[in-house]
N, C-alpha and C. Protein backbone atom coordinates (compact mmCIF):
# COMPACT_ATOMS: atom_id res chain seq x y z
N MET A 1 -54.77 78.87 18.83
CA MET A 1 -53.72 78.78 17.83
C MET A 1 -54.30 78.22 16.55
N SER A 2 -53.88 78.73 15.43
CA SER A 2 -54.43 78.29 14.15
C SER A 2 -53.67 77.09 13.61
N THR A 3 -54.35 76.33 12.77
CA THR A 3 -53.71 75.22 12.08
C THR A 3 -53.17 75.74 10.76
N PRO A 4 -52.19 75.02 10.15
CA PRO A 4 -51.68 75.48 8.86
C PRO A 4 -52.79 75.65 7.82
N GLY A 5 -53.74 74.76 7.81
CA GLY A 5 -54.84 74.85 6.85
C GLY A 5 -55.71 76.07 7.07
N SER A 6 -55.98 76.41 8.33
CA SER A 6 -56.81 77.58 8.60
C SER A 6 -56.04 78.86 8.26
N LYS A 7 -54.72 78.85 8.43
CA LYS A 7 -53.90 79.99 8.06
C LYS A 7 -54.01 80.22 6.55
N THR A 8 -53.90 79.15 5.79
CA THR A 8 -54.00 79.25 4.33
C THR A 8 -55.39 79.69 3.92
N ALA A 9 -56.42 79.16 4.57
CA ALA A 9 -57.80 79.55 4.24
C ALA A 9 -58.00 81.05 4.46
N ALA A 10 -57.40 81.59 5.51
CA ALA A 10 -57.55 83.01 5.80
C ALA A 10 -56.76 83.89 4.84
N LEU A 11 -55.63 83.39 4.36
CA LEU A 11 -54.73 84.21 3.55
C LEU A 11 -54.93 84.08 2.04
N ASP A 12 -55.27 82.88 1.55
CA ASP A 12 -55.34 82.67 0.11
C ASP A 12 -56.28 81.52 -0.22
N ALA A 13 -57.50 81.84 -0.60
CA ALA A 13 -58.52 80.82 -0.85
C ALA A 13 -58.13 79.83 -1.95
N PRO A 14 -57.58 80.28 -3.11
CA PRO A 14 -57.20 79.29 -4.13
C PRO A 14 -56.16 78.29 -3.63
N LEU A 15 -55.13 78.76 -2.91
CA LEU A 15 -54.14 77.82 -2.38
C LEU A 15 -54.77 76.87 -1.39
N HIS A 16 -55.69 77.36 -0.59
CA HIS A 16 -56.39 76.50 0.36
C HIS A 16 -57.15 75.39 -0.36
N ILE A 17 -57.80 75.72 -1.45
CA ILE A 17 -58.55 74.71 -2.22
C ILE A 17 -57.62 73.60 -2.70
N PHE A 18 -56.40 73.97 -3.10
CA PHE A 18 -55.45 72.96 -3.57
C PHE A 18 -54.84 72.16 -2.43
N GLY A 19 -54.95 72.65 -1.18
CA GLY A 19 -54.38 71.94 -0.04
C GLY A 19 -53.04 72.49 0.42
N PHE A 20 -52.63 73.63 -0.08
CA PHE A 20 -51.37 74.24 0.30
C PHE A 20 -51.41 74.66 1.77
N GLU A 21 -50.27 74.54 2.47
CA GLU A 21 -50.17 74.96 3.86
C GLU A 21 -48.97 75.88 4.04
N PHE A 22 -49.23 77.11 4.48
CA PHE A 22 -48.14 78.06 4.72
C PHE A 22 -47.31 77.62 5.92
N GLU A 23 -46.01 77.90 5.87
CA GLU A 23 -45.11 77.67 7.00
C GLU A 23 -44.52 79.00 7.46
N ASP A 24 -43.58 79.55 6.71
CA ASP A 24 -42.93 80.81 7.07
C ASP A 24 -43.63 81.98 6.40
N LEU A 25 -43.86 83.03 7.17
CA LEU A 25 -44.43 84.27 6.63
C LEU A 25 -43.64 85.43 7.21
N SER A 26 -42.70 85.97 6.43
CA SER A 26 -41.90 87.10 6.88
C SER A 26 -41.54 87.96 5.68
N THR A 27 -40.91 89.09 5.94
CA THR A 27 -40.51 89.98 4.85
C THR A 27 -39.32 89.43 4.07
N ARG A 28 -38.66 88.41 4.59
CA ARG A 28 -37.48 87.83 3.92
C ARG A 28 -37.72 86.44 3.36
N LYS A 29 -38.85 85.82 3.73
CA LYS A 29 -39.14 84.47 3.22
C LYS A 29 -40.60 84.14 3.45
N VAL A 30 -41.21 83.59 2.42
CA VAL A 30 -42.56 83.05 2.53
C VAL A 30 -42.47 81.62 1.99
N SER A 31 -42.97 80.66 2.78
CA SER A 31 -42.84 79.27 2.34
C SER A 31 -44.04 78.44 2.78
N GLY A 32 -44.10 77.26 2.20
CA GLY A 32 -45.15 76.32 2.56
C GLY A 32 -45.05 75.06 1.72
N ARG A 33 -45.99 74.16 1.95
CA ARG A 33 -45.93 72.86 1.28
C ARG A 33 -47.29 72.46 0.76
N LEU A 34 -47.23 71.54 -0.19
CA LEU A 34 -48.43 71.00 -0.82
C LEU A 34 -48.23 69.53 -1.08
N ARG A 35 -49.16 68.72 -0.60
CA ARG A 35 -49.18 67.31 -1.00
C ARG A 35 -49.96 67.26 -2.31
N VAL A 36 -49.35 66.71 -3.34
CA VAL A 36 -49.98 66.66 -4.65
C VAL A 36 -51.13 65.66 -4.62
N THR A 37 -52.32 66.14 -4.96
CA THR A 37 -53.54 65.33 -5.01
C THR A 37 -54.17 65.49 -6.39
N PRO A 38 -55.13 64.65 -6.73
CA PRO A 38 -55.76 64.77 -8.06
C PRO A 38 -56.37 66.13 -8.34
N ILE A 39 -56.78 66.87 -7.32
CA ILE A 39 -57.41 68.18 -7.54
C ILE A 39 -56.45 69.19 -8.15
N CYS A 40 -55.15 69.02 -7.97
CA CYS A 40 -54.18 69.97 -8.51
C CYS A 40 -53.35 69.39 -9.65
N CYS A 41 -53.89 68.37 -10.30
CA CYS A 41 -53.15 67.69 -11.37
C CYS A 41 -53.84 67.79 -12.72
N GLN A 42 -53.04 67.56 -13.74
CA GLN A 42 -53.56 67.34 -15.08
C GLN A 42 -53.09 65.95 -15.49
N SER A 43 -53.87 65.24 -16.21
CA SER A 43 -53.50 63.89 -16.64
C SER A 43 -52.74 63.93 -17.95
N TRP A 44 -51.60 63.32 -17.96
CA TRP A 44 -50.84 63.17 -19.20
C TRP A 44 -51.02 61.78 -19.77
N SER A 45 -51.36 60.86 -18.89
CA SER A 45 -51.61 59.48 -19.34
C SER A 45 -52.56 58.83 -18.36
N ALA A 46 -53.03 57.68 -18.72
CA ALA A 46 -53.96 56.98 -17.83
C ALA A 46 -53.27 56.50 -16.56
N GLU A 47 -51.95 56.36 -16.60
CA GLU A 47 -51.23 55.80 -15.45
C GLU A 47 -50.76 56.85 -14.44
N GLU A 48 -50.60 58.12 -14.87
CA GLU A 48 -49.94 59.07 -13.99
C GLU A 48 -50.59 60.46 -14.08
N GLU A 49 -50.88 61.06 -12.93
CA GLU A 49 -51.36 62.43 -12.87
C GLU A 49 -50.23 63.29 -12.34
N VAL A 50 -49.96 64.42 -13.02
CA VAL A 50 -48.86 65.29 -12.63
C VAL A 50 -49.38 66.65 -12.19
N LEU A 51 -48.61 67.30 -11.32
CA LEU A 51 -48.95 68.63 -10.84
C LEU A 51 -49.09 69.57 -12.03
N HIS A 52 -50.20 70.25 -12.10
CA HIS A 52 -50.49 71.19 -13.19
C HIS A 52 -49.54 72.39 -13.10
N GLY A 53 -48.95 72.78 -14.22
CA GLY A 53 -48.04 73.92 -14.24
C GLY A 53 -48.71 75.20 -13.78
N GLY A 54 -49.99 75.33 -14.02
CA GLY A 54 -50.72 76.51 -13.56
C GLY A 54 -50.81 76.57 -12.05
N VAL A 55 -50.85 75.42 -11.40
CA VAL A 55 -50.87 75.40 -9.93
C VAL A 55 -49.52 75.90 -9.41
N SER A 56 -48.43 75.48 -10.05
CA SER A 56 -47.11 76.00 -9.67
C SER A 56 -47.07 77.51 -9.82
N ALA A 57 -47.66 78.04 -10.88
CA ALA A 57 -47.67 79.48 -11.11
C ALA A 57 -48.52 80.20 -10.05
N VAL A 58 -49.64 79.61 -9.67
CA VAL A 58 -50.48 80.21 -8.62
C VAL A 58 -49.71 80.26 -7.30
N ILE A 59 -49.01 79.18 -6.98
CA ILE A 59 -48.21 79.15 -5.76
C ILE A 59 -47.15 80.26 -5.80
N ALA A 60 -46.43 80.36 -6.92
CA ALA A 60 -45.37 81.37 -7.04
C ALA A 60 -45.93 82.78 -6.89
N GLU A 61 -47.00 83.08 -7.60
CA GLU A 61 -47.60 84.42 -7.55
C GLU A 61 -48.08 84.74 -6.13
N ALA A 62 -48.71 83.79 -5.47
CA ALA A 62 -49.24 84.03 -4.13
C ALA A 62 -48.12 84.28 -3.12
N LEU A 63 -47.10 83.42 -3.10
CA LEU A 63 -46.03 83.58 -2.12
C LEU A 63 -45.26 84.88 -2.34
N ALA A 64 -44.94 85.20 -3.60
CA ALA A 64 -44.22 86.44 -3.88
C ALA A 64 -45.06 87.66 -3.51
N SER A 65 -46.34 87.62 -3.82
CA SER A 65 -47.22 88.76 -3.51
C SER A 65 -47.36 88.98 -2.01
N ILE A 66 -47.50 87.90 -1.26
CA ILE A 66 -47.60 88.02 0.19
C ILE A 66 -46.31 88.59 0.77
N GLY A 67 -45.17 88.08 0.31
CA GLY A 67 -43.89 88.61 0.78
C GLY A 67 -43.71 90.07 0.44
N ALA A 68 -44.05 90.45 -0.79
CA ALA A 68 -43.91 91.84 -1.22
C ALA A 68 -44.84 92.75 -0.41
N HIS A 69 -46.04 92.27 -0.15
CA HIS A 69 -47.01 93.05 0.63
C HIS A 69 -46.45 93.35 2.03
N MET A 70 -45.84 92.37 2.65
CA MET A 70 -45.25 92.59 3.97
C MET A 70 -44.02 93.47 3.88
N ALA A 71 -43.15 93.21 2.88
CA ALA A 71 -41.88 93.92 2.77
C ALA A 71 -42.06 95.41 2.48
N CYS A 72 -43.17 95.80 1.89
CA CYS A 72 -43.39 97.23 1.60
C CYS A 72 -44.24 97.90 2.68
N GLY A 73 -44.40 97.24 3.81
CA GLY A 73 -45.14 97.84 4.90
C GLY A 73 -46.64 97.73 4.78
N PHE A 74 -47.10 96.71 4.06
CA PHE A 74 -48.52 96.41 3.90
C PHE A 74 -49.27 97.42 3.02
N ASP A 75 -48.52 98.11 2.16
CA ASP A 75 -49.18 98.94 1.15
C ASP A 75 -49.72 98.02 0.06
N ARG A 76 -50.54 98.59 -0.81
CA ARG A 76 -51.12 97.80 -1.90
C ARG A 76 -50.03 97.42 -2.88
N ILE A 77 -50.14 96.22 -3.43
CA ILE A 77 -49.17 95.73 -4.41
C ILE A 77 -49.93 95.19 -5.62
N ALA A 78 -49.19 95.01 -6.72
CA ALA A 78 -49.78 94.42 -7.93
C ALA A 78 -48.70 93.67 -8.67
N GLY A 79 -48.95 92.40 -8.94
CA GLY A 79 -48.02 91.62 -9.74
C GLY A 79 -48.03 92.12 -11.17
N VAL A 80 -46.83 92.32 -11.76
CA VAL A 80 -46.74 92.82 -13.12
C VAL A 80 -46.07 91.84 -14.08
N GLN A 81 -45.38 90.84 -13.55
CA GLN A 81 -44.73 89.88 -14.45
C GLN A 81 -44.44 88.61 -13.67
N LEU A 82 -44.69 87.49 -14.31
CA LEU A 82 -44.40 86.18 -13.74
C LEU A 82 -43.75 85.34 -14.83
N SER A 83 -42.61 84.76 -14.52
CA SER A 83 -42.02 83.78 -15.43
C SER A 83 -41.75 82.53 -14.60
N ILE A 84 -41.98 81.40 -15.21
CA ILE A 84 -41.78 80.15 -14.48
C ILE A 84 -41.20 79.11 -15.43
N ASN A 85 -40.21 78.39 -14.94
CA ASN A 85 -39.61 77.29 -15.69
C ASN A 85 -39.84 76.02 -14.90
N HIS A 86 -40.32 75.00 -15.60
CA HIS A 86 -40.56 73.70 -14.97
C HIS A 86 -39.44 72.74 -15.39
N PHE A 87 -38.86 72.07 -14.41
CA PHE A 87 -37.72 71.20 -14.66
C PHE A 87 -38.02 69.73 -14.44
N ALA A 88 -38.98 69.45 -13.59
CA ALA A 88 -39.33 68.06 -13.28
C ALA A 88 -40.80 68.03 -12.93
N HIS A 89 -41.36 66.84 -12.87
CA HIS A 89 -42.77 66.76 -12.51
C HIS A 89 -42.92 66.19 -11.10
N ALA A 90 -44.06 66.49 -10.51
CA ALA A 90 -44.45 65.91 -9.23
C ALA A 90 -45.75 65.18 -9.49
N VAL A 91 -45.90 64.00 -8.91
CA VAL A 91 -47.09 63.18 -9.14
C VAL A 91 -47.91 63.07 -7.86
N VAL A 92 -49.10 62.55 -8.00
CA VAL A 92 -49.99 62.37 -6.85
C VAL A 92 -49.23 61.64 -5.74
N GLY A 93 -49.29 62.18 -4.54
CA GLY A 93 -48.61 61.61 -3.39
C GLY A 93 -47.31 62.32 -3.05
N ASP A 94 -46.67 62.98 -4.04
CA ASP A 94 -45.45 63.73 -3.75
C ASP A 94 -45.80 64.94 -2.88
N VAL A 95 -44.80 65.41 -2.13
CA VAL A 95 -44.94 66.64 -1.38
C VAL A 95 -43.97 67.64 -1.99
N VAL A 96 -44.48 68.83 -2.31
CA VAL A 96 -43.61 69.88 -2.82
C VAL A 96 -43.53 70.99 -1.78
N PHE A 97 -42.35 71.58 -1.68
CA PHE A 97 -42.09 72.68 -0.77
C PHE A 97 -41.77 73.90 -1.61
N ALA A 98 -42.45 75.01 -1.36
CA ALA A 98 -42.23 76.25 -2.11
C ALA A 98 -41.65 77.30 -1.18
N GLU A 99 -40.66 78.01 -1.67
CA GLU A 99 -40.03 79.06 -0.87
C GLU A 99 -39.79 80.29 -1.74
N ALA A 100 -40.30 81.42 -1.30
CA ALA A 100 -40.12 82.70 -2.00
C ALA A 100 -39.18 83.58 -1.20
N VAL A 101 -38.19 84.14 -1.89
CA VAL A 101 -37.25 85.07 -1.25
C VAL A 101 -37.06 86.27 -2.16
N PRO A 102 -36.89 87.45 -1.57
CA PRO A 102 -36.70 88.65 -2.40
C PRO A 102 -35.32 88.65 -3.05
N GLN A 103 -35.28 89.09 -4.31
CA GLN A 103 -34.03 89.23 -5.03
C GLN A 103 -33.67 90.69 -5.23
N TYR A 104 -34.70 91.54 -5.26
CA TYR A 104 -34.51 92.96 -5.55
C TYR A 104 -35.66 93.73 -4.91
N ILE A 105 -35.33 94.67 -4.05
CA ILE A 105 -36.37 95.47 -3.41
C ILE A 105 -35.96 96.95 -3.46
N VAL A 106 -36.79 97.76 -4.12
CA VAL A 106 -36.66 99.21 -4.07
C VAL A 106 -38.04 99.76 -3.72
N LYS A 107 -38.18 101.05 -3.65
CA LYS A 107 -39.42 101.64 -3.14
C LYS A 107 -40.67 101.22 -3.90
N THR A 108 -40.60 101.12 -5.22
CA THR A 108 -41.82 100.86 -5.99
C THR A 108 -41.81 99.55 -6.75
N LEU A 109 -40.77 98.74 -6.61
CA LEU A 109 -40.71 97.47 -7.34
C LEU A 109 -39.95 96.43 -6.52
N GLN A 110 -40.46 95.21 -6.56
CA GLN A 110 -39.75 94.09 -5.94
C GLN A 110 -39.74 92.93 -6.93
N VAL A 111 -38.67 92.13 -6.87
CA VAL A 111 -38.59 90.89 -7.64
C VAL A 111 -38.31 89.78 -6.65
N TRP A 112 -39.16 88.75 -6.70
CA TRP A 112 -39.04 87.61 -5.81
C TRP A 112 -38.76 86.35 -6.62
N GLU A 113 -37.91 85.48 -6.08
CA GLU A 113 -37.66 84.18 -6.70
C GLU A 113 -38.38 83.12 -5.87
N VAL A 114 -39.06 82.23 -6.56
CA VAL A 114 -39.80 81.17 -5.89
C VAL A 114 -39.29 79.83 -6.42
N LYS A 115 -38.80 78.99 -5.52
CA LYS A 115 -38.37 77.63 -5.88
C LYS A 115 -39.38 76.64 -5.34
N ILE A 116 -39.77 75.72 -6.19
CA ILE A 116 -40.68 74.65 -5.80
C ILE A 116 -39.92 73.35 -6.02
N ARG A 117 -39.81 72.55 -4.95
CA ARG A 117 -39.06 71.30 -5.06
C ARG A 117 -39.75 70.18 -4.31
N LYS A 118 -39.48 68.97 -4.76
CA LYS A 118 -40.02 67.81 -4.05
C LYS A 118 -39.21 67.59 -2.78
N VAL A 119 -39.89 67.20 -1.71
CA VAL A 119 -39.24 66.95 -0.43
C VAL A 119 -39.82 65.70 0.20
N GLU A 120 -39.13 65.22 1.21
CA GLU A 120 -39.69 64.16 2.03
C GLU A 120 -40.90 64.74 2.76
N PRO A 121 -41.95 63.97 2.96
CA PRO A 121 -43.18 64.53 3.53
C PRO A 121 -43.01 65.30 4.84
N TYR A 122 -42.09 64.91 5.70
CA TYR A 122 -41.98 65.58 7.00
C TYR A 122 -40.60 66.17 7.25
N ASP A 123 -39.77 66.28 6.20
CA ASP A 123 -38.43 66.82 6.38
C ASP A 123 -38.03 67.60 5.13
N ARG A 124 -38.26 68.92 5.15
CA ARG A 124 -37.98 69.73 3.97
C ARG A 124 -36.49 69.87 3.68
N GLN A 125 -35.63 69.45 4.60
CA GLN A 125 -34.20 69.54 4.37
C GLN A 125 -33.69 68.40 3.49
N LYS A 126 -34.43 67.30 3.42
CA LYS A 126 -34.01 66.16 2.59
C LYS A 126 -34.43 66.40 1.16
N GLN A 127 -33.53 67.00 0.38
CA GLN A 127 -33.82 67.26 -1.01
C GLN A 127 -32.48 67.45 -1.74
N THR A 128 -32.51 67.32 -3.04
CA THR A 128 -31.33 67.55 -3.86
C THR A 128 -31.73 68.46 -5.01
N ASP A 129 -30.74 68.99 -5.71
CA ASP A 129 -31.03 69.84 -6.86
C ASP A 129 -31.82 69.11 -7.93
N ASP A 130 -31.69 67.78 -8.00
CA ASP A 130 -32.44 67.00 -8.98
C ASP A 130 -33.94 67.03 -8.70
N GLU A 131 -34.34 67.44 -7.50
CA GLU A 131 -35.75 67.43 -7.15
C GLU A 131 -36.43 68.77 -7.34
N VAL A 132 -35.76 69.73 -7.98
CA VAL A 132 -36.39 71.03 -8.25
C VAL A 132 -37.47 70.82 -9.30
N VAL A 133 -38.69 71.20 -8.96
CA VAL A 133 -39.82 71.07 -9.87
C VAL A 133 -39.93 72.31 -10.75
N ALA A 134 -39.81 73.50 -10.14
CA ALA A 134 -39.94 74.74 -10.90
C ALA A 134 -39.23 75.88 -10.18
N ILE A 135 -38.80 76.87 -10.96
CA ILE A 135 -38.26 78.11 -10.43
C ILE A 135 -38.97 79.25 -11.13
N SER A 136 -39.41 80.22 -10.34
CA SER A 136 -40.17 81.34 -10.87
C SER A 136 -39.58 82.65 -10.41
N ARG A 137 -39.77 83.68 -11.21
CA ARG A 137 -39.45 85.04 -10.83
C ARG A 137 -40.74 85.85 -10.98
N VAL A 138 -41.03 86.63 -9.94
CA VAL A 138 -42.25 87.41 -9.92
C VAL A 138 -41.89 88.87 -9.64
N ALA A 139 -42.30 89.76 -10.53
CA ALA A 139 -42.08 91.20 -10.33
C ALA A 139 -43.38 91.81 -9.81
N VAL A 140 -43.25 92.67 -8.79
CA VAL A 140 -44.41 93.23 -8.10
C VAL A 140 -44.23 94.73 -7.93
N LEU A 141 -45.21 95.51 -8.36
CA LEU A 141 -45.25 96.94 -8.06
C LEU A 141 -45.67 97.10 -6.61
N THR A 142 -45.06 98.03 -5.90
CA THR A 142 -45.35 98.20 -4.47
C THR A 142 -45.63 99.66 -4.13
N ASN A 143 -46.02 99.86 -2.89
CA ASN A 143 -46.24 101.18 -2.30
C ASN A 143 -47.33 101.98 -3.01
N MET A 144 -48.37 101.29 -3.42
CA MET A 144 -49.52 101.97 -4.00
C MET A 144 -50.52 102.26 -2.88
N PRO A 145 -51.40 103.23 -3.08
CA PRO A 145 -52.37 103.55 -2.03
C PRO A 145 -53.28 102.37 -1.70
N VAL A 146 -53.56 102.19 -0.43
CA VAL A 146 -54.41 101.09 0.02
C VAL A 146 -55.87 101.57 0.09
N PRO A 147 -56.79 100.85 -0.53
CA PRO A 147 -58.20 101.24 -0.42
C PRO A 147 -58.67 101.15 1.04
N GLU A 148 -59.62 102.00 1.39
CA GLU A 148 -60.10 102.05 2.78
C GLU A 148 -60.73 100.74 3.24
N ASN A 149 -61.33 99.99 2.32
CA ASN A 149 -62.02 98.76 2.70
C ASN A 149 -61.12 97.52 2.65
N ALA A 150 -59.82 97.68 2.44
CA ALA A 150 -58.90 96.54 2.33
C ALA A 150 -58.71 95.86 3.69
N THR A 151 -58.71 94.53 3.67
CA THR A 151 -58.55 93.76 4.91
C THR A 151 -57.36 92.80 4.87
N ALA A 152 -56.68 92.69 3.73
CA ALA A 152 -55.60 91.70 3.59
C ALA A 152 -54.50 91.91 4.61
N ALA A 153 -54.08 93.14 4.84
CA ALA A 153 -52.98 93.39 5.78
C ALA A 153 -53.34 92.95 7.19
N ARG A 154 -54.56 93.24 7.60
CA ARG A 154 -55.00 92.87 8.95
C ARG A 154 -54.92 91.35 9.14
N THR A 155 -55.40 90.61 8.15
CA THR A 155 -55.37 89.14 8.23
C THR A 155 -53.94 88.63 8.24
N LEU A 156 -53.10 89.15 7.34
CA LEU A 156 -51.72 88.69 7.25
C LEU A 156 -50.94 88.97 8.53
N LYS A 157 -51.16 90.11 9.16
CA LYS A 157 -50.45 90.46 10.39
C LYS A 157 -50.73 89.46 11.52
N GLN A 158 -51.87 88.78 11.47
CA GLN A 158 -52.19 87.78 12.50
C GLN A 158 -51.24 86.60 12.45
N PHE A 159 -50.70 86.30 11.27
CA PHE A 159 -49.90 85.09 11.09
C PHE A 159 -48.42 85.35 10.83
N ALA A 160 -48.05 86.56 10.44
CA ALA A 160 -46.67 86.85 10.01
C ALA A 160 -45.71 86.98 11.18
N LYS A 161 -44.44 86.71 10.89
CA LYS A 161 -43.35 86.94 11.83
C LYS A 161 -42.77 88.30 11.48
N LEU A 162 -43.18 89.31 12.21
CA LEU A 162 -42.74 90.69 11.91
C LEU A 162 -41.70 91.16 12.90
């Protein structure tokens, strides 16, 4: 059985570097968590390091792309638009939970919403609307031809709930 970290290492190297751990992998939801560490922060002051907005964008793009890839039957996909709004900051030691869900799915286009919020370290249900860090929308082109040498689908199928 794989550990959450090894699952992330197999599926998305940049998220693995930041310490992200996948939880749910399905066509209706992709989620996971990240403990904020200095490696994923930018300093705004000498006293406090905050989660870099670019890291939030990487999380959003990755989760939406993985969900879209599964939802279209593992055909090739390409992200075409990402918008992200940041509402609050997360600092070193905070745990953020990210959840991507589809908002619109047709044959050649999907739109996924990704919410990133602060949570209690071991209980993702303990949260309020005041703890939303960012909300993103990601548009993805789908059902494109898959190159013969592609391996992403094979790896993802090992971990997904299909």
